[in-house]
mmCIF file of all heavy atoms, coordinates in Angstrom:
data_MODEL
# 
_entry.id   MODEL 
# 
loop_
_atom_site.group_PDB 
_atom_site.id 
_atom_site.type_symbol 
_atom_site.label_atom_id 
_atom_site.label_alt_id 
_atom_site.label_comp_id 
_atom_site.label_asym_id 
_atom_site.label_entity_id 
_atom_site.label_seq_id 
_atom_site.pdbx_PDB_ins_code 
_atom_site.Cartn_x 
_atom_site.Cartn_y 
_atom_site.Cartn_z 
_atom_site.occupancy 
_atom_site.B_iso_or_equiv 
_atom_site.pdbx_formal_charge 
_atom_site.auth_seq_id 
_atom_site.auth_comp_id 
_atom_site.auth_asym_id 
_atom_site.auth_atom_id 
_atom_site.pdbx_PDB_model_num 
ATOM 1   N N   . GLU A 1 1  ? -121.412 -9.568  86.221 1.00 0.00 ? 1  GLU A N   1 
ATOM 2   C CA  . GLU A 1 1  ? -122.452 -9.601  85.206 1.00 0.00 ? 1  GLU A CA  1 
ATOM 3   C C   . GLU A 1 1  ? -122.791 -11.045 84.868 1.00 0.00 ? 1  GLU A C   1 
ATOM 4   O O   . GLU A 1 1  ? -121.904 -11.862 84.606 1.00 0.00 ? 1  GLU A O   1 
ATOM 5   C CB  . GLU A 1 1  ? -121.967 -8.873  83.946 1.00 0.00 ? 1  GLU A CB  1 
ATOM 6   C CG  . GLU A 1 1  ? -122.900 -8.951  82.758 1.00 0.00 ? 1  GLU A CG  1 
ATOM 7   C CD  . GLU A 1 1  ? -122.263 -8.415  81.488 1.00 0.00 ? 1  GLU A CD  1 
ATOM 8   O OE1 . GLU A 1 1  ? -121.022 -8.400  81.393 1.00 0.00 ? 1  GLU A OE1 1 
ATOM 9   O OE2 . GLU A 1 1  ? -123.018 -7.997  80.585 1.00 0.00 ? 1  GLU A OE2 1 
ATOM 10  N N   . TRP A 1 2  ? -124.069 -11.375 84.843 1.00 0.00 ? 2  TRP A N   1 
ATOM 11  C CA  . TRP A 1 2  ? -124.511 -12.688 84.418 1.00 0.00 ? 2  TRP A CA  1 
ATOM 12  C C   . TRP A 1 2  ? -124.335 -12.839 82.911 1.00 0.00 ? 2  TRP A C   1 
ATOM 13  O O   . TRP A 1 2  ? -124.604 -11.910 82.143 1.00 0.00 ? 2  TRP A O   1 
ATOM 14  C CB  . TRP A 1 2  ? -125.981 -12.904 84.797 1.00 0.00 ? 2  TRP A CB  1 
ATOM 15  C CG  . TRP A 1 2  ? -126.584 -14.091 84.123 1.00 0.00 ? 2  TRP A CG  1 
ATOM 16  C CD1 . TRP A 1 2  ? -126.340 -15.401 84.386 1.00 0.00 ? 2  TRP A CD1 1 
ATOM 17  C CD2 . TRP A 1 2  ? -127.527 -14.054 83.051 1.00 0.00 ? 2  TRP A CD2 1 
ATOM 18  N NE1 . TRP A 1 2  ? -127.077 -16.200 83.541 1.00 0.00 ? 2  TRP A NE1 1 
ATOM 19  C CE2 . TRP A 1 2  ? -127.811 -15.396 82.721 1.00 0.00 ? 2  TRP A CE2 1 
ATOM 20  C CE3 . TRP A 1 2  ? -128.162 -13.039 82.351 1.00 0.00 ? 2  TRP A CE3 1 
ATOM 21  C CZ2 . TRP A 1 2  ? -128.699 -15.740 81.707 1.00 0.00 ? 2  TRP A CZ2 1 
ATOM 22  C CZ3 . TRP A 1 2  ? -129.052 -13.379 81.353 1.00 0.00 ? 2  TRP A CZ3 1 
ATOM 23  C CH2 . TRP A 1 2  ? -129.313 -14.714 81.038 1.00 0.00 ? 2  TRP A CH2 1 
ATOM 24  N N   . VAL A 1 3  ? -123.889 -14.005 82.466 1.00 0.00 ? 3  VAL A N   1 
ATOM 25  C CA  . VAL A 1 3  ? -123.615 -14.270 81.060 1.00 0.00 ? 3  VAL A CA  1 
ATOM 26  C C   . VAL A 1 3  ? -124.593 -15.285 80.477 1.00 0.00 ? 3  VAL A C   1 
ATOM 27  O O   . VAL A 1 3  ? -125.197 -15.051 79.426 1.00 0.00 ? 3  VAL A O   1 
ATOM 28  C CB  . VAL A 1 3  ? -122.172 -14.767 80.866 1.00 0.00 ? 3  VAL A CB  1 
ATOM 29  C CG1 . VAL A 1 3  ? -121.925 -15.180 79.422 1.00 0.00 ? 3  VAL A CG1 1 
ATOM 30  C CG2 . VAL A 1 3  ? -121.181 -13.686 81.285 1.00 0.00 ? 3  VAL A CG2 1 
ATOM 31  N N   . ALA A 1 4  ? -124.752 -16.442 81.115 1.00 0.00 ? 4  ALA A N   1 
ATOM 32  C CA  . ALA A 1 4  ? -125.592 -17.504 80.582 1.00 0.00 ? 4  ALA A CA  1 
ATOM 33  C C   . ALA A 1 4  ? -125.890 -18.500 81.686 1.00 0.00 ? 4  ALA A C   1 
ATOM 34  O O   . ALA A 1 4  ? -125.116 -18.635 82.635 1.00 0.00 ? 4  ALA A O   1 
ATOM 35  C CB  . ALA A 1 4  ? -124.911 -18.219 79.412 1.00 0.00 ? 4  ALA A CB  1 
ATOM 36  N N   . TRP A 1 5  ? -127.018 -19.220 81.555 1.00 0.00 ? 5  TRP A N   1 
ATOM 37  C CA  . TRP A 1 5  ? -127.301 -20.329 82.445 1.00 0.00 ? 5  TRP A CA  1 
ATOM 38  C C   . TRP A 1 5  ? -127.823 -21.519 81.655 1.00 0.00 ? 5  TRP A C   1 
ATOM 39  O O   . TRP A 1 5  ? -128.311 -21.367 80.533 1.00 0.00 ? 5  TRP A O   1 
ATOM 40  C CB  . TRP A 1 5  ? -128.264 -19.973 83.589 1.00 0.00 ? 5  TRP A CB  1 
ATOM 41  C CG  . TRP A 1 5  ? -129.661 -19.506 83.240 1.00 0.00 ? 5  TRP A CG  1 
ATOM 42  C CD1 . TRP A 1 5  ? -130.115 -18.229 83.312 1.00 0.00 ? 5  TRP A CD1 1 
ATOM 43  C CD2 . TRP A 1 5  ? -130.782 -20.304 82.834 1.00 0.00 ? 5  TRP A CD2 1 
ATOM 44  N NE1 . TRP A 1 5  ? -131.458 -18.174 82.961 1.00 0.00 ? 5  TRP A NE1 1 
ATOM 45  C CE2 . TRP A 1 5  ? -131.890 -19.448 82.659 1.00 0.00 ? 5  TRP A CE2 1 
ATOM 46  C CE3 . TRP A 1 5  ? -130.971 -21.671 82.592 1.00 0.00 ? 5  TRP A CE3 1 
ATOM 47  C CZ2 . TRP A 1 5  ? -133.152 -19.888 82.258 1.00 0.00 ? 5  TRP A CZ2 1 
ATOM 48  C CZ3 . TRP A 1 5  ? -132.227 -22.117 82.188 1.00 0.00 ? 5  TRP A CZ3 1 
ATOM 49  C CH2 . TRP A 1 5  ? -133.293 -21.234 82.031 1.00 0.00 ? 5  TRP A CH2 1 
ATOM 50  N N   . ILE A 1 6  ? -127.730 -22.677 82.271 1.00 0.00 ? 6  ILE A N   1 
ATOM 51  C CA  . ILE A 1 6  ? -128.252 -23.898 81.688 1.00 0.00 ? 6  ILE A CA  1 
ATOM 52  C C   . ILE A 1 6  ? -128.848 -24.763 82.784 1.00 0.00 ? 6  ILE A C   1 
ATOM 53  O O   . ILE A 1 6  ? -128.275 -24.884 83.872 1.00 0.00 ? 6  ILE A O   1 
ATOM 54  C CB  . ILE A 1 6  ? -127.164 -24.663 80.903 1.00 0.00 ? 6  ILE A CB  1 
ATOM 55  C CG1 . ILE A 1 6  ? -127.767 -25.865 80.173 1.00 0.00 ? 6  ILE A CG1 1 
ATOM 56  C CG2 . ILE A 1 6  ? -126.006 -25.092 81.803 1.00 0.00 ? 6  ILE A CG2 1 
ATOM 57  C CD1 . ILE A 1 6  ? -126.834 -26.470 79.130 1.00 0.00 ? 6  ILE A CD1 1 
ATOM 58  N N   . GLY A 1 7  ? -130.000 -25.356 82.506 1.00 0.00 ? 7  GLY A N   1 
ATOM 59  C CA  . GLY A 1 7  ? -130.540 -26.398 83.351 1.00 0.00 ? 7  GLY A CA  1 
ATOM 60  C C   . GLY A 1 7  ? -129.909 -27.711 82.948 1.00 0.00 ? 7  GLY A C   1 
ATOM 61  O O   . GLY A 1 7  ? -130.100 -28.173 81.821 1.00 0.00 ? 7  GLY A O   1 
ATOM 62  N N   . THR A 1 8  ? -129.155 -28.314 83.841 1.00 0.00 ? 8  THR A N   1 
ATOM 63  C CA  . THR A 1 8  ? -128.369 -29.484 83.446 1.00 0.00 ? 8  THR A CA  1 
ATOM 64  C C   . THR A 1 8  ? -129.234 -30.702 83.167 1.00 0.00 ? 8  THR A C   1 
ATOM 65  O O   . THR A 1 8  ? -128.814 -31.597 82.431 1.00 0.00 ? 8  THR A O   1 
ATOM 66  C CB  . THR A 1 8  ? -127.316 -29.817 84.503 1.00 0.00 ? 8  THR A CB  1 
ATOM 67  O OG1 . THR A 1 8  ? -127.953 -30.075 85.761 1.00 0.00 ? 8  THR A OG1 1 
ATOM 68  C CG2 . THR A 1 8  ? -126.335 -28.662 84.655 1.00 0.00 ? 8  THR A CG2 1 
ATOM 69  N N   . LEU A 1 9  ? -130.437 -30.756 83.725 1.00 0.00 ? 9  LEU A N   1 
ATOM 70  C CA  . LEU A 1 9  ? -131.351 -31.851 83.441 1.00 0.00 ? 9  LEU A CA  1 
ATOM 71  C C   . LEU A 1 9  ? -132.182 -31.584 82.190 1.00 0.00 ? 9  LEU A C   1 
ATOM 72  O O   . LEU A 1 9  ? -132.345 -32.478 81.349 1.00 0.00 ? 9  LEU A O   1 
ATOM 73  C CB  . LEU A 1 9  ? -132.277 -32.101 84.632 1.00 0.00 ? 9  LEU A CB  1 
ATOM 74  C CG  . LEU A 1 9  ? -131.581 -32.490 85.939 1.00 0.00 ? 9  LEU A CG  1 
ATOM 75  C CD1 . LEU A 1 9  ? -132.608 -32.692 87.043 1.00 0.00 ? 9  LEU A CD1 1 
ATOM 76  C CD2 . LEU A 1 9  ? -130.740 -33.742 85.754 1.00 0.00 ? 9  LEU A CD2 1 
ATOM 77  N N   . SER A 1 10 ? -132.711 -30.387 82.076 1.00 0.00 ? 10 SER A N   1 
ATOM 78  C CA  . SER A 1 10 ? -133.601 -30.061 80.972 1.00 0.00 ? 10 SER A CA  1 
ATOM 79  C C   . SER A 1 10 ? -132.872 -29.662 79.702 1.00 0.00 ? 10 SER A C   1 
ATOM 80  O O   . SER A 1 10 ? -133.404 -29.816 78.601 1.00 0.00 ? 10 SER A O   1 
ATOM 81  C CB  . SER A 1 10 ? -134.541 -28.932 81.378 1.00 0.00 ? 10 SER A CB  1 
ATOM 82  O OG  . SER A 1 10 ? -133.819 -27.727 81.549 1.00 0.00 ? 10 SER A OG  1 
ATOM 83  N N   . GLY A 1 11 ? -131.690 -29.107 79.846 1.00 0.00 ? 11 GLY A N   1 
ATOM 84  C CA  . GLY A 1 11 ? -130.992 -28.523 78.719 1.00 0.00 ? 11 GLY A CA  1 
ATOM 85  C C   . GLY A 1 11 ? -131.433 -27.122 78.364 1.00 0.00 ? 11 GLY A C   1 
ATOM 86  O O   . GLY A 1 11 ? -130.886 -26.540 77.416 1.00 0.00 ? 11 GLY A O   1 
ATOM 87  N N   . ASN A 1 12 ? -132.395 -26.575 79.079 1.00 0.00 ? 12 ASN A N   1 
ATOM 88  C CA  . ASN A 1 12 ? -132.827 -25.203 78.818 1.00 0.00 ? 12 ASN A CA  1 
ATOM 89  C C   . ASN A 1 12 ? -131.683 -24.238 79.063 1.00 0.00 ? 12 ASN A C   1 
ATOM 90  O O   . ASN A 1 12 ? -130.888 -24.421 79.990 1.00 0.00 ? 12 ASN A O   1 
ATOM 91  C CB  . ASN A 1 12 ? -134.008 -24.834 79.706 1.00 0.00 ? 12 ASN A CB  1 
ATOM 92  C CG  . ASN A 1 12 ? -135.263 -25.589 79.350 1.00 0.00 ? 12 ASN A CG  1 
ATOM 93  O OD1 . ASN A 1 12 ? -135.405 -26.080 78.234 1.00 0.00 ? 12 ASN A OD1 1 
ATOM 94  N ND2 . ASN A 1 12 ? -136.189 -25.680 80.302 1.00 0.00 ? 12 ASN A ND2 1 
ATOM 95  N N   . THR A 1 13 ? -131.622 -23.202 78.248 1.00 0.00 ? 13 THR A N   1 
ATOM 96  C CA  . THR A 1 13 ? -130.558 -22.212 78.352 1.00 0.00 ? 13 THR A CA  1 
ATOM 97  C C   . THR A 1 13 ? -131.120 -20.811 78.234 1.00 0.00 ? 13 THR A C   1 
ATOM 98  O O   . THR A 1 13 ? -132.219 -20.596 77.731 1.00 0.00 ? 13 THR A O   1 
ATOM 99  C CB  . THR A 1 13 ? -129.500 -22.404 77.255 1.00 0.00 ? 13 THR A CB  1 
ATOM 100 O OG1 . THR A 1 13 ? -130.115 -22.239 75.966 1.00 0.00 ? 13 THR A OG1 1 
ATOM 101 C CG2 . THR A 1 13 ? -128.873 -23.785 77.340 1.00 0.00 ? 13 THR A CG2 1 
ATOM 102 N N   . ASN A 1 14 ? -130.336 -19.855 78.686 1.00 0.00 ? 14 ASN A N   1 
ATOM 103 C CA  . ASN A 1 14 ? -130.640 -18.453 78.479 1.00 0.00 ? 14 ASN A CA  1 
ATOM 104 C C   . ASN A 1 14 ? -129.330 -17.683 78.482 1.00 0.00 ? 14 ASN A C   1 
ATOM 105 O O   . ASN A 1 14 ? -128.356 -18.104 79.105 1.00 0.00 ? 14 ASN A O   1 
ATOM 106 C CB  . ASN A 1 14 ? -131.592 -17.924 79.549 1.00 0.00 ? 14 ASN A CB  1 
ATOM 107 C CG  . ASN A 1 14 ? -132.369 -16.711 79.089 1.00 0.00 ? 14 ASN A CG  1 
ATOM 108 O OD1 . ASN A 1 14 ? -132.227 -16.249 77.957 1.00 0.00 ? 14 ASN A OD1 1 
ATOM 109 N ND2 . ASN A 1 14 ? -133.203 -16.174 79.981 1.00 0.00 ? 14 ASN A ND2 1 
ATOM 110 N N   . TYR A 1 15 ? -129.338 -16.554 77.780 1.00 0.00 ? 15 TYR A N   1 
ATOM 111 C CA  . TYR A 1 15 ? -128.131 -15.774 77.576 1.00 0.00 ? 15 TYR A CA  1 
ATOM 112 C C   . TYR A 1 15 ? -128.391 -14.295 77.803 1.00 0.00 ? 15 TYR A C   1 
ATOM 113 O O   . TYR A 1 15 ? -129.479 -13.787 77.517 1.00 0.00 ? 15 TYR A O   1 
ATOM 114 C CB  . TYR A 1 15 ? -127.610 -15.934 76.151 1.00 0.00 ? 15 TYR A CB  1 
ATOM 115 C CG  . TYR A 1 15 ? -127.247 -17.343 75.777 1.00 0.00 ? 15 TYR A CG  1 
ATOM 116 C CD1 . TYR A 1 15 ? -128.188 -18.203 75.236 1.00 0.00 ? 15 TYR A CD1 1 
ATOM 117 C CD2 . TYR A 1 15 ? -125.952 -17.811 75.957 1.00 0.00 ? 15 TYR A CD2 1 
ATOM 118 C CE1 . TYR A 1 15 ? -127.860 -19.501 74.888 1.00 0.00 ? 15 TYR A CE1 1 
ATOM 119 C CE2 . TYR A 1 15 ? -125.614 -19.109 75.612 1.00 0.00 ? 15 TYR A CE2 1 
ATOM 120 C CZ  . TYR A 1 15 ? -126.572 -19.948 75.077 1.00 0.00 ? 15 TYR A CZ  1 
ATOM 121 O OH  . TYR A 1 15 ? -126.228 -21.237 74.738 1.00 0.00 ? 15 TYR A OH  1 
ATOM 122 N N   . ALA A 1 16 ? -127.366 -13.622 78.277 1.00 0.00 ? 16 ALA A N   1 
ATOM 123 C CA  . ALA A 1 16 ? -127.414 -12.174 78.311 1.00 0.00 ? 16 ALA A CA  1 
ATOM 124 C C   . ALA A 1 16 ? -127.402 -11.626 76.891 1.00 0.00 ? 16 ALA A C   1 
ATOM 125 O O   . ALA A 1 16 ? -126.798 -12.210 75.979 1.00 0.00 ? 16 ALA A O   1 
ATOM 126 C CB  . ALA A 1 16 ? -126.223 -11.623 79.091 1.00 0.00 ? 16 ALA A CB  1 
ATOM 127 N N   . ASP A 1 17 ? -128.071 -10.493 76.694 1.00 0.00 ? 17 ASP A N   1 
ATOM 128 C CA  . ASP A 1 17 ? -128.132 -9.910  75.360 1.00 0.00 ? 17 ASP A CA  1 
ATOM 129 C C   . ASP A 1 17 ? -126.745 -9.645  74.781 1.00 0.00 ? 17 ASP A C   1 
ATOM 130 O O   . ASP A 1 17 ? -126.542 -9.750  73.567 1.00 0.00 ? 17 ASP A O   1 
ATOM 131 C CB  . ASP A 1 17 ? -128.928 -8.612  75.393 1.00 0.00 ? 17 ASP A CB  1 
ATOM 132 C CG  . ASP A 1 17 ? -130.412 -8.836  75.593 1.00 0.00 ? 17 ASP A CG  1 
ATOM 133 O OD1 . ASP A 1 17 ? -130.895 -9.955  75.356 1.00 0.00 ? 17 ASP A OD1 1 
ATOM 134 O OD2 . ASP A 1 17 ? -131.100 -7.868  75.987 1.00 0.00 ? 17 ASP A OD2 1 
ATOM 135 N N   . SER A 1 18 ? -125.797 -9.322  75.623 1.00 0.00 ? 18 SER A N   1 
ATOM 136 C CA  . SER A 1 18 ? -124.471 -8.965  75.153 1.00 0.00 ? 18 SER A CA  1 
ATOM 137 C C   . SER A 1 18 ? -123.722 -10.120 74.502 1.00 0.00 ? 18 SER A C   1 
ATOM 138 O O   . SER A 1 18 ? -122.751 -9.886  73.768 1.00 0.00 ? 18 SER A O   1 
ATOM 139 C CB  . SER A 1 18 ? -123.641 -8.393  76.304 1.00 0.00 ? 18 SER A CB  1 
ATOM 140 O OG  . SER A 1 18 ? -123.522 -9.337  77.353 1.00 0.00 ? 18 SER A OG  1 
ATOM 141 N N   . VAL A 1 19 ? -124.154 -11.358 74.752 1.00 0.00 ? 19 VAL A N   1 
ATOM 142 C CA  . VAL A 1 19 ? -123.432 -12.506 74.210 1.00 0.00 ? 19 VAL A CA  1 
ATOM 143 C C   . VAL A 1 19 ? -124.287 -13.381 73.308 1.00 0.00 ? 19 VAL A C   1 
ATOM 144 O O   . VAL A 1 19 ? -123.765 -14.350 72.733 1.00 0.00 ? 19 VAL A O   1 
ATOM 145 C CB  . VAL A 1 19 ? -122.819 -13.367 75.330 1.00 0.00 ? 19 VAL A CB  1 
ATOM 146 C CG1 . VAL A 1 19 ? -121.938 -12.524 76.239 1.00 0.00 ? 19 VAL A CG1 1 
ATOM 147 C CG2 . VAL A 1 19 ? -123.900 -14.086 76.133 1.00 0.00 ? 19 VAL A CG2 1 
ATOM 148 N N   . LYS A 1 20 ? -125.564 -13.071 73.148 1.00 0.00 ? 20 LYS A N   1 
ATOM 149 C CA  . LYS A 1 20 ? -126.438 -13.881 72.305 1.00 0.00 ? 20 LYS A CA  1 
ATOM 150 C C   . LYS A 1 20 ? -125.895 -13.960 70.887 1.00 0.00 ? 20 LYS A C   1 
ATOM 151 O O   . LYS A 1 20 ? -125.483 -12.957 70.307 1.00 0.00 ? 20 LYS A O   1 
ATOM 152 C CB  . LYS A 1 20 ? -127.851 -13.302 72.285 1.00 0.00 ? 20 LYS A CB  1 
ATOM 153 C CG  . LYS A 1 20 ? -128.656 -13.587 73.532 1.00 0.00 ? 20 LYS A CG  1 
ATOM 154 C CD  . LYS A 1 20 ? -130.054 -12.991 73.423 1.00 0.00 ? 20 LYS A CD  1 
ATOM 155 C CE  . LYS A 1 20 ? -130.856 -13.273 74.674 1.00 0.00 ? 20 LYS A CE  1 
ATOM 156 N NZ  . LYS A 1 20 ? -132.186 -12.627 74.623 1.00 0.00 ? 20 LYS A NZ  1 
ATOM 157 N N   . GLY A 1 21 ? -125.900 -15.162 70.341 1.00 0.00 ? 21 GLY A N   1 
ATOM 158 C CA  . GLY A 1 21 ? -125.401 -15.385 68.999 1.00 0.00 ? 21 GLY A CA  1 
ATOM 159 C C   . GLY A 1 21 ? -123.917 -15.613 68.923 1.00 0.00 ? 21 GLY A C   1 
ATOM 160 O O   . GLY A 1 21 ? -123.420 -16.043 67.872 1.00 0.00 ? 21 GLY A O   1 
ATOM 161 N N   . ARG A 1 22 ? -123.190 -15.336 70.001 1.00 0.00 ? 22 ARG A N   1 
ATOM 162 C CA  . ARG A 1 22 ? -121.739 -15.527 70.014 1.00 0.00 ? 22 ARG A CA  1 
ATOM 163 C C   . ARG A 1 22 ? -121.301 -16.622 70.980 1.00 0.00 ? 22 ARG A C   1 
ATOM 164 O O   . ARG A 1 22 ? -120.327 -17.326 70.707 1.00 0.00 ? 22 ARG A O   1 
ATOM 165 C CB  . ARG A 1 22 ? -121.032 -14.222 70.385 1.00 0.00 ? 22 ARG A CB  1 
ATOM 166 C CG  . ARG A 1 22 ? -121.302 -13.086 69.413 1.00 0.00 ? 22 ARG A CG  1 
ATOM 167 C CD  . ARG A 1 22 ? -120.407 -11.890 69.701 1.00 0.00 ? 22 ARG A CD  1 
ATOM 168 N NE  . ARG A 1 22 ? -120.653 -11.339 71.032 1.00 0.00 ? 22 ARG A NE  1 
ATOM 169 C CZ  . ARG A 1 22 ? -119.737 -11.232 71.977 1.00 0.00 ? 22 ARG A CZ  1 
ATOM 170 N NH1 . ARG A 1 22 ? -118.483 -11.637 71.747 1.00 0.00 ? 22 ARG A NH1 1 
ATOM 171 N NH2 . ARG A 1 22 ? -120.042 -10.703 73.157 1.00 0.00 ? 22 ARG A NH2 1 
ATOM 172 N N   . PHE A 1 23 ? -121.985 -16.729 72.101 1.00 0.00 ? 23 PHE A N   1 
ATOM 173 C CA  . PHE A 1 23 ? -121.623 -17.702 73.129 1.00 0.00 ? 23 PHE A CA  1 
ATOM 174 C C   . PHE A 1 23 ? -122.654 -18.826 73.159 1.00 0.00 ? 23 PHE A C   1 
ATOM 175 O O   . PHE A 1 23 ? -123.852 -18.600 72.931 1.00 0.00 ? 23 PHE A O   1 
ATOM 176 C CB  . PHE A 1 23 ? -121.580 -17.060 74.512 1.00 0.00 ? 23 PHE A CB  1 
ATOM 177 C CG  . PHE A 1 23 ? -120.463 -16.072 74.740 1.00 0.00 ? 23 PHE A CG  1 
ATOM 178 C CD1 . PHE A 1 23 ? -119.662 -15.622 73.708 1.00 0.00 ? 23 PHE A CD1 1 
ATOM 179 C CD2 . PHE A 1 23 ? -120.231 -15.601 76.020 1.00 0.00 ? 23 PHE A CD2 1 
ATOM 180 C CE1 . PHE A 1 23 ? -118.643 -14.715 73.930 1.00 0.00 ? 23 PHE A CE1 1 
ATOM 181 C CE2 . PHE A 1 23 ? -119.217 -14.696 76.261 1.00 0.00 ? 23 PHE A CE2 1 
ATOM 182 C CZ  . PHE A 1 23 ? -118.422 -14.247 75.218 1.00 0.00 ? 23 PHE A CZ  1 
ATOM 183 N N   . THR A 1 24 ? -122.198 -20.023 73.478 1.00 0.00 ? 24 THR A N   1 
ATOM 184 C CA  . THR A 1 24 ? -123.076 -21.166 73.634 1.00 0.00 ? 24 THR A CA  1 
ATOM 185 C C   . THR A 1 24 ? -122.713 -21.904 74.913 1.00 0.00 ? 24 THR A C   1 
ATOM 186 O O   . THR A 1 24 ? -121.548 -22.278 75.106 1.00 0.00 ? 24 THR A O   1 
ATOM 187 C CB  . THR A 1 24 ? -122.972 -22.129 72.443 1.00 0.00 ? 24 THR A CB  1 
ATOM 188 O OG1 . THR A 1 24 ? -123.286 -21.442 71.228 1.00 0.00 ? 24 THR A OG1 1 
ATOM 189 C CG2 . THR A 1 24 ? -123.944 -23.294 72.619 1.00 0.00 ? 24 THR A CG2 1 
ATOM 190 N N   . ILE A 1 25 ? -123.699 -22.106 75.776 1.00 0.00 ? 25 ILE A N   1 
ATOM 191 C CA  . ILE A 1 25 ? -123.493 -22.887 76.978 1.00 0.00 ? 25 ILE A CA  1 
ATOM 192 C C   . ILE A 1 25 ? -124.027 -24.296 76.733 1.00 0.00 ? 25 ILE A C   1 
ATOM 193 O O   . ILE A 1 25 ? -125.080 -24.475 76.116 1.00 0.00 ? 25 ILE A O   1 
ATOM 194 C CB  . ILE A 1 25 ? -124.163 -22.225 78.203 1.00 0.00 ? 25 ILE A CB  1 
ATOM 195 C CG1 . ILE A 1 25 ? -123.759 -22.935 79.498 1.00 0.00 ? 25 ILE A CG1 1 
ATOM 196 C CG2 . ILE A 1 25 ? -125.668 -22.153 78.054 1.00 0.00 ? 25 ILE A CG2 1 
ATOM 197 C CD1 . ILE A 1 25 ? -124.165 -22.177 80.755 1.00 0.00 ? 25 ILE A CD1 1 
ATOM 198 N N   . SER A 1 26 ? -123.303 -25.289 77.186 1.00 0.00 ? 26 SER A N   1 
ATOM 199 C CA  . SER A 1 26 ? -123.702 -26.672 76.996 1.00 0.00 ? 26 SER A CA  1 
ATOM 200 C C   . SER A 1 26 ? -123.269 -27.485 78.205 1.00 0.00 ? 26 SER A C   1 
ATOM 201 O O   . SER A 1 26 ? -122.481 -27.020 79.030 1.00 0.00 ? 26 SER A O   1 
ATOM 202 C CB  . SER A 1 26 ? -123.105 -27.252 75.713 1.00 0.00 ? 26 SER A CB  1 
ATOM 203 O OG  . SER A 1 26 ? -121.689 -27.236 75.761 1.00 0.00 ? 26 SER A OG  1 
ATOM 204 N N   . ARG A 1 27 ? -123.794 -28.688 78.303 1.00 0.00 ? 27 ARG A N   1 
ATOM 205 C CA  . ARG A 1 27 ? -123.434 -29.531 79.438 1.00 0.00 ? 27 ARG A CA  1 
ATOM 206 C C   . ARG A 1 27 ? -123.077 -30.933 78.978 1.00 0.00 ? 27 ARG A C   1 
ATOM 207 O O   . ARG A 1 27 ? -123.561 -31.423 77.956 1.00 0.00 ? 27 ARG A O   1 
ATOM 208 C CB  . ARG A 1 27 ? -124.547 -29.561 80.491 1.00 0.00 ? 27 ARG A CB  1 
ATOM 209 C CG  . ARG A 1 27 ? -125.633 -30.639 80.360 1.00 0.00 ? 27 ARG A CG  1 
ATOM 210 C CD  . ARG A 1 27 ? -126.595 -30.395 79.237 1.00 0.00 ? 27 ARG A CD  1 
ATOM 211 N NE  . ARG A 1 27 ? -127.850 -31.112 79.437 1.00 0.00 ? 27 ARG A NE  1 
ATOM 212 C CZ  . ARG A 1 27 ? -128.764 -31.305 78.510 1.00 0.00 ? 27 ARG A CZ  1 
ATOM 213 N NH1 . ARG A 1 27 ? -128.588 -30.796 77.278 1.00 0.00 ? 27 ARG A NH1 1 
ATOM 214 N NH2 . ARG A 1 27 ? -129.883 -31.968 78.793 1.00 0.00 ? 27 ARG A NH2 1 
ATOM 215 N N   . ASP A 1 28 ? -122.215 -31.570 79.745 1.00 0.00 ? 28 ASP A N   1 
ATOM 216 C CA  . ASP A 1 28 ? -121.887 -32.974 79.601 1.00 0.00 ? 28 ASP A CA  1 
ATOM 217 C C   . ASP A 1 28 ? -122.181 -33.594 80.958 1.00 0.00 ? 28 ASP A C   1 
ATOM 218 O O   . ASP A 1 28 ? -121.334 -33.595 81.854 1.00 0.00 ? 28 ASP A O   1 
ATOM 219 C CB  . ASP A 1 28 ? -120.425 -33.157 79.197 1.00 0.00 ? 28 ASP A CB  1 
ATOM 220 C CG  . ASP A 1 28 ? -120.053 -34.609 78.981 1.00 0.00 ? 28 ASP A CG  1 
ATOM 221 O OD1 . ASP A 1 28 ? -120.820 -35.505 79.377 1.00 0.00 ? 28 ASP A OD1 1 
ATOM 222 O OD2 . ASP A 1 28 ? -118.973 -34.850 78.406 1.00 0.00 ? 28 ASP A OD2 1 
ATOM 223 N N   . ASN A 1 29 ? -123.398 -34.092 81.123 1.00 0.00 ? 29 ASN A N   1 
ATOM 224 C CA  . ASN A 1 29 ? -123.829 -34.544 82.439 1.00 0.00 ? 29 ASN A CA  1 
ATOM 225 C C   . ASN A 1 29 ? -123.024 -35.743 82.940 1.00 0.00 ? 29 ASN A C   1 
ATOM 226 O O   . ASN A 1 29 ? -122.844 -35.903 84.147 1.00 0.00 ? 29 ASN A O   1 
ATOM 227 C CB  . ASN A 1 29 ? -125.320 -34.881 82.417 1.00 0.00 ? 29 ASN A CB  1 
ATOM 228 C CG  . ASN A 1 29 ? -126.188 -33.650 82.348 1.00 0.00 ? 29 ASN A CG  1 
ATOM 229 O OD1 . ASN A 1 29 ? -125.720 -32.526 82.557 1.00 0.00 ? 29 ASN A OD1 1 
ATOM 230 N ND2 . ASN A 1 29 ? -127.467 -33.856 82.064 1.00 0.00 ? 29 ASN A ND2 1 
ATOM 231 N N   . ALA A 1 30 ? -122.548 -36.574 82.025 1.00 0.00 ? 30 ALA A N   1 
ATOM 232 C CA  . ALA A 1 30 ? -121.756 -37.725 82.437 1.00 0.00 ? 30 ALA A CA  1 
ATOM 233 C C   . ALA A 1 30 ? -120.475 -37.305 83.137 1.00 0.00 ? 30 ALA A C   1 
ATOM 234 O O   . ALA A 1 30 ? -119.941 -38.043 83.967 1.00 0.00 ? 30 ALA A O   1 
ATOM 235 C CB  . ALA A 1 30 ? -121.440 -38.611 81.240 1.00 0.00 ? 30 ALA A CB  1 
# 
C-alpha cells in the first residue's frame, strides 16, 4: 500500500487517506 510521497526538489507532498493528519513526510536534501 502506498503511504506518502515527496518531491525532494519541490517539497510537494501527498498522502494516502488512511494516514492524512497523522503522518508527515519530509526531506533533508543535504
